[in-house]
Amino acid sequence: MLLLLSLLSGVVCTVLAQPPNILVIVADDLGYNDVSWHNTAVLTPHLAQLAAEGVTLEQHYSQPICTPTRGALLTGRYPINNGLHNGVIEPLIPYGLDTSQTTLPEELRRANYTTHIVGKWHLGFCNKKFWPTNRGFDHHYGFLNGGQSYFSHTRDGGYDFWDDEEVALGDNGTYSSTLIQQRAVDIISTHDDSKPLFMYVPFQSVHGPLEVPDVYRDMYSGIEDEDRRTYLGMVTAMDDAVGNITAALKLSNLYDNTVIVWFSDNG
């Protein structure tokens, strides 16, 4: 959060008329060697373009697992200081990110930003006070827990995909990267540019289980290991989604005034 606010303050100083839009994209469990600028066998042209046109931090470190990284990102505090140092929040664990902690979207909303999260939350499920729409986000589309099916959106016998606080049963059967991309593009294309936009897009990819549409797996037919083919297909599916999101920013004339940050929560 401190990094984002520092970037924001620097841009605001030079563009006083309109604060920048902020797009934070997070991959899940992506390895260092699973992007094309580290490994030419991987197909990530859209992410590679962002890296080439921006600043690449080759010694950027995250927490080793999901929940602590996400809590640190949204509070600007180490997990030991925000209560999330014990590991991931499982579905039946009765706590979440403490409501005494101020979050990045809360601060940005005070600065007149429209705030959206599209994707994975993983900072509290047991009580709605922990849900994203009660932690500074105007809207949430996605899921509240950790790993689950990419197509059926189920885990431990329960369905977990939401549109704000309503269950989005109509999304059953559609790949999560597709859903995340579609909603992010919709938000961008309908955004009222009289207010700056903060959109947090934490993808499910490439967290287990290993699932991807066949068209992406087939791009890696030369790789012998089936799990590796599937995994890299998931990476490329996410890359395509990122490409469509950035294309929507350009089409809506928002790209040139948008700070984009992409990283993996661990890997």
Protein backbone atom coordinates (compact mmCIF):
# COMPACT_ATOMS: atom_id res chain seq x y z
CA MET A 1 0.00 0.00 0.00
CA LEU A 2 2.86 2.40 0.81
CA LEU A 3 4.35 1.81 -2.65
CA LEU A 4 1.03 2.53 -4.33
CA LEU A 5 0.39 5.67 -2.32
CA SER A 6 3.93 6.87 -3.12
CA LEU A 7 3.35 6.30 -6.83
CA LEU A 8 0.02 8.04 -6.57
CA SER A 9 1.42 11.10 -4.83
CA GLY A 10 4.16 11.44 -7.43
CA VAL A 11 1.73 11.38 -10.32
CA VAL A 12 -0.74 13.70 -8.61
CA CYS A 13 2.01 16.28 -8.18
CA THR A 14 2.55 16.38 -11.94
CA VAL A 15 -1.05 15.94 -13.10
CA LEU A 16 -3.07 18.03 -10.70
CA ALA A 17 -6.16 18.20 -12.92
CA GLN A 18 -6.96 14.47 -12.64
CA PRO A 19 -5.49 11.91 -10.21
CA PRO A 20 -4.37 8.73 -11.97
CA ASN A 21 -6.42 5.60 -12.26
CA ILE A 22 -4.80 2.67 -10.45
CA LEU A 23 -4.92 -0.93 -11.68
CA VAL A 24 -3.36 -3.59 -9.41
CA ILE A 25 -3.20 -7.06 -10.98
CA VAL A 26 -2.10 -10.03 -8.86
CA ALA A 27 -1.20 -13.51 -10.09
CA ASP A 28 -1.59 -16.40 -7.65
CA ASP A 29 1.35 -18.76 -7.00
CA LEU A 30 3.17 -17.82 -10.21
CA GLY A 31 6.81 -18.93 -10.39
CA TYR A 32 9.76 -16.67 -11.25
CA ASN A 33 10.52 -18.74 -14.36
CA ASP A 34 6.94 -18.77 -15.62
CA VAL A 35 6.93 -15.51 -17.60
CA SER A 36 8.38 -15.01 -21.06
CA TRP A 37 11.09 -12.52 -20.09
CA HIS A 38 12.58 -15.15 -17.79
CA ASN A 39 11.73 -18.22 -19.91
CA THR A 40 11.26 -18.07 -23.68
CA ALA A 41 9.15 -21.27 -23.64
CA VAL A 42 6.36 -19.35 -21.87
CA LEU A 43 3.84 -17.33 -23.90
CA THR A 44 3.07 -14.07 -22.07
CA PRO A 45 3.30 -11.33 -24.74
CA HIS A 46 0.95 -8.87 -23.03
CA LEU A 47 2.70 -9.05 -19.67
CA ALA A 48 6.05 -8.84 -21.46
CA GLN A 49 4.93 -5.63 -23.16
CA LEU A 50 3.95 -4.11 -19.82
CA ALA A 51 7.33 -5.12 -18.41
CA ALA A 52 9.23 -3.70 -21.38
CA GLU A 53 7.37 -0.38 -21.26
CA GLY A 54 7.49 -0.02 -17.50
CA VAL A 55 9.78 -0.73 -14.56
CA THR A 56 10.63 -4.35 -13.73
CA LEU A 57 11.55 -5.11 -10.11
CA GLU A 58 13.67 -8.27 -10.25
CA GLN A 59 14.12 -8.35 -6.47
CA HIS A 60 10.54 -7.73 -5.38
CA TYR A 61 9.45 -10.02 -2.56
CA SER A 62 6.02 -11.19 -1.44
CA GLN A 63 4.89 -13.27 1.52
CA PRO A 64 5.11 -17.07 0.97
CA ILE A 65 1.34 -17.72 0.89
CA CYS A 66 -1.90 -16.06 -0.19
CA THR A 67 -3.60 -14.37 2.76
CA PRO A 68 -0.55 -12.66 4.32
CA THR A 69 0.46 -11.11 0.99
CA ARG A 70 -3.02 -9.78 0.29
CA GLY A 71 -3.38 -8.36 3.78
CA ALA A 72 0.02 -6.67 3.53
CA LEU A 73 -0.87 -5.20 0.14
CA LEU A 74 -4.17 -3.72 1.30
CA THR A 75 -2.99 -2.42 4.69
CA GLY A 76 0.66 -1.52 4.10
CA ARG A 77 1.55 -3.57 7.20
CA TYR A 78 3.60 -6.70 7.69
CA PRO A 79 1.42 -9.73 8.55
CA ILE A 80 2.76 -9.78 12.12
CA ASN A 81 1.27 -6.29 12.52
CA ASN A 82 -2.11 -6.90 10.88
CA GLY A 83 -2.92 -10.26 12.49
CA LEU A 84 -2.56 -12.40 9.36
CA HIS A 85 0.78 -14.03 10.16
CA ASN A 86 -0.65 -17.48 10.95
CA GLY A 87 -1.17 -18.46 7.32
CA VAL A 88 -4.08 -18.74 4.91
CA ILE A 89 -7.69 -18.28 6.01
CA GLU A 90 -9.45 -21.59 5.38
CA PRO A 91 -13.22 -21.53 4.69
CA LEU A 92 -14.22 -22.60 8.21
CA ILE A 93 -11.74 -20.41 10.11
CA PRO A 94 -13.76 -17.79 12.04
CA TYR A 95 -11.70 -14.64 11.47
CA GLY A 96 -10.56 -12.22 8.79
CA LEU A 97 -8.56 -9.04 8.31
CA ASP A 98 -9.28 -7.12 11.49
CA THR A 99 -11.78 -4.34 10.93
CA SER A 100 -9.60 -1.92 12.90
CA GLN A 101 -7.09 -2.02 10.03
CA THR A 102 -7.49 0.77 7.47
CA THR A 103 -7.33 -0.51 3.90
CA LEU A 104 -6.04 1.00 0.68
CA PRO A 105 -9.51 1.17 -0.95
CA GLU A 106 -10.86 2.96 2.13
CA GLU A 107 -8.16 5.61 1.78
CA LEU A 108 -8.70 5.92 -1.96
CA ARG A 109 -12.46 6.17 -1.58
CA ARG A 110 -11.87 9.13 0.75
CA ALA A 111 -9.90 10.64 -2.15
CA ASN A 112 -13.00 10.32 -4.39
CA TYR A 113 -11.93 7.11 -6.15
CA THR A 114 -14.37 4.53 -7.41
CA THR A 115 -13.13 1.21 -5.98
CA HIS A 116 -13.57 -2.28 -7.44
CA ILE A 117 -12.18 -5.73 -6.73
CA VAL A 118 -12.54 -8.35 -9.47
CA GLY A 119 -11.31 -11.80 -8.44
CA LYS A 120 -10.05 -13.51 -5.29
CA TRP A 121 -10.48 -11.98 -1.81
CA HIS A 122 -9.15 -14.50 0.79
CA LEU A 123 -9.20 -12.03 3.69
CA GLY A 124 -12.26 -13.30 5.55
CA PHE A 125 -15.38 -15.29 4.76
CA CYS A 126 -17.10 -16.19 8.05
CA ASN A 127 -18.76 -12.82 8.64
CA LYS A 128 -19.87 -10.18 6.14
CA LYS A 129 -18.01 -7.51 8.09
CA PHE A 130 -14.83 -9.03 6.58
CA TRP A 131 -16.15 -9.03 2.99
CA PRO A 132 -14.63 -6.61 0.47
CA THR A 133 -17.74 -4.44 0.13
CA ASN A 134 -17.39 -3.71 3.85
CA ARG A 135 -13.63 -3.05 3.62
CA GLY A 136 -13.57 -0.09 1.24
CA PHE A 137 -14.61 -1.56 -2.10
CA ASP A 138 -17.72 -0.21 -3.81
CA HIS A 139 -18.12 -3.50 -5.66
CA HIS A 140 -16.75 -7.05 -5.62
CA TYR A 141 -17.08 -9.66 -8.33
CA GLY A 142 -15.36 -12.97 -7.73
CA PHE A 143 -14.80 -15.40 -4.88
CA LEU A 144 -14.11 -15.07 -1.17
CA ASN A 145 -11.99 -18.12 -0.33
CA GLY A 146 -8.78 -19.62 -1.71
CA GLY A 147 -8.33 -22.47 -4.18
CA GLN A 148 -11.38 -23.93 -5.94
CA SER A 149 -12.52 -25.23 -9.32
CA TYR A 150 -11.91 -22.77 -12.17
CA PHE A 151 -15.08 -23.86 -13.97
CA SER A 152 -17.64 -24.93 -11.34
CA HIS A 153 -16.36 -22.45 -8.69
CA THR A 154 -16.91 -25.05 -5.97
CA ARG A 155 -14.86 -26.12 -2.98
CA ASP A 156 -15.67 -28.64 -0.26
CA GLY A 157 -19.16 -29.04 -1.66
CA GLY A 158 -19.97 -25.31 -1.68
CA TYR A 159 -20.28 -22.76 -4.48
CA ASP A 160 -18.20 -19.59 -4.07
CA PHE A 161 -18.67 -16.93 -6.75
CA TRP A 162 -20.32 -13.61 -5.96
CA ASP A 163 -21.53 -10.37 -7.47
CA ASP A 164 -21.28 -8.03 -4.50
CA GLU A 165 -23.17 -10.02 -1.84
CA GLU A 166 -25.33 -12.01 -4.26
CA VAL A 167 -24.39 -15.54 -5.35
CA ALA A 168 -23.54 -15.50 -9.08
CA LEU A 169 -24.89 -18.92 -10.01
CA GLY A 170 -25.06 -17.99 -13.69
CA ASP A 171 -21.27 -18.06 -13.86
CA ASN A 172 -21.08 -21.78 -13.11
CA GLY A 173 -19.23 -23.48 -15.96
CA THR A 174 -17.25 -20.46 -17.21
CA TYR A 175 -13.48 -20.32 -16.68
CA SER A 176 -12.56 -17.83 -13.96
CA SER A 177 -9.96 -15.90 -15.97
CA THR A 178 -12.64 -15.31 -18.61
CA LEU A 179 -15.13 -14.07 -16.02
CA ILE A 180 -12.56 -11.79 -14.35
CA GLN A 181 -11.51 -10.33 -17.70
CA GLN A 182 -15.09 -9.73 -18.83
CA ARG A 183 -16.09 -7.92 -15.64
CA ALA A 184 -12.91 -5.82 -15.57
CA VAL A 185 -13.49 -4.77 -19.19
CA ASP A 186 -17.12 -3.92 -18.41
CA ILE A 187 -16.06 -1.75 -15.45
CA ILE A 188 -13.53 0.11 -17.58
CA SER A 189 -15.87 0.64 -20.52
CA THR A 190 -18.66 2.06 -18.32
CA HIS A 191 -16.45 4.05 -15.94
CA ASP A 192 -17.41 7.67 -15.31
CA ASP A 193 -14.09 9.41 -15.82
CA SER A 194 -15.13 12.37 -13.68
CA LYS A 195 -13.82 10.18 -10.82
CA PRO A 196 -10.55 8.24 -10.80
CA LEU A 197 -10.74 4.44 -10.83
CA PHE A 198 -9.04 2.01 -8.47
CA MET A 199 -9.42 -1.57 -9.65
CA TYR A 200 -7.79 -4.51 -7.85
CA VAL A 201 -7.72 -7.64 -10.04
CA PRO A 202 -6.44 -10.69 -8.12
CA PHE A 203 -6.62 -13.59 -10.57
CA GLN A 204 -7.23 -17.17 -9.49
CA SER A 205 -4.44 -18.25 -11.83
CA VAL A 206 -2.26 -20.19 -11.39
CA HIS A 207 -3.31 -21.58 -7.99
CA GLY A 208 -4.33 -25.24 -7.97
CA PRO A 209 -6.25 -27.14 -9.17
CA LEU A 210 -4.61 -27.25 -12.59
CA GLU A 211 -7.45 -26.48 -15.01
CA VAL A 212 -7.55 -24.60 -18.31
CA PRO A 213 -9.53 -24.60 -21.59
CA ASP A 214 -8.01 -27.01 -24.10
CA VAL A 215 -7.08 -24.23 -26.52
CA TYR A 216 -4.47 -22.94 -24.05
CA ARG A 217 -3.11 -26.36 -23.09
CA ASP A 218 -2.66 -27.17 -26.78
CA MET A 219 -0.33 -24.17 -27.18
CA TYR A 220 2.26 -26.21 -25.25
CA SER A 221 1.92 -29.51 -27.12
CA GLY A 222 5.71 -29.81 -27.29
CA ILE A 223 6.00 -30.13 -23.51
CA GLU A 224 5.92 -33.74 -22.37
CA ASP A 225 4.61 -33.31 -18.83
CA GLU A 226 0.81 -32.92 -18.87
CA ASP A 227 0.66 -30.94 -15.63
CA ARG A 228 3.26 -28.51 -16.95
CA ARG A 229 1.29 -28.08 -20.21
CA THR A 230 -1.83 -27.30 -18.23
CA TYR A 231 -0.02 -24.95 -15.87
CA LEU A 232 1.57 -22.93 -18.67
CA GLY A 233 -1.77 -22.83 -20.47
CA MET A 234 -3.21 -21.23 -17.32
CA VAL A 235 -0.42 -18.64 -17.42
CA THR A 236 -1.17 -17.76 -21.04
CA ALA A 237 -4.92 -17.58 -20.38
CA MET A 238 -4.20 -15.03 -17.66
CA ASP A 239 -1.88 -13.14 -20.01
CA ASP A 240 -4.64 -12.92 -22.62
CA ALA A 241 -7.00 -11.58 -19.95
CA VAL A 242 -4.47 -8.93 -18.95
CA GLY A 243 -4.08 -8.00 -22.61
CA ASN A 244 -7.83 -7.52 -23.00
CA ILE A 245 -8.00 -5.41 -19.83
CA THR A 246 -5.19 -3.11 -20.96
CA ALA A 247 -6.77 -2.89 -24.43
CA ALA A 248 -10.01 -1.75 -22.79
CA LEU A 249 -8.11 0.98 -20.95
CA LYS A 250 -6.74 2.22 -24.28
CA LEU A 251 -10.11 2.04 -26.00
CA SER A 252 -11.65 4.09 -23.18
CA ASN A 253 -8.82 6.65 -23.28
CA LEU A 254 -7.84 5.78 -19.69
CA TYR A 255 -4.53 4.04 -20.34
CA ASP A 256 -2.27 7.08 -20.43
CA ASN A 257 -3.47 8.17 -16.99
CA THR A 258 -3.39 4.75 -15.31
CA VAL A 259 -0.73 3.37 -12.97
CA ILE A 260 -0.54 -0.41 -13.54
CA VAL A 261 1.11 -2.71 -11.00
CA TRP A 262 1.39 -6.47 -11.64
CA PHE A 263 3.01 -9.07 -9.38
CA SER A 264 2.53 -12.55 -7.95
CA ASP A 265 1.40 -13.11 -4.36
CA ASN A 266 4.05 -15.86 -4.06
CA GLY A 267 5.73 -18.42 -6.24
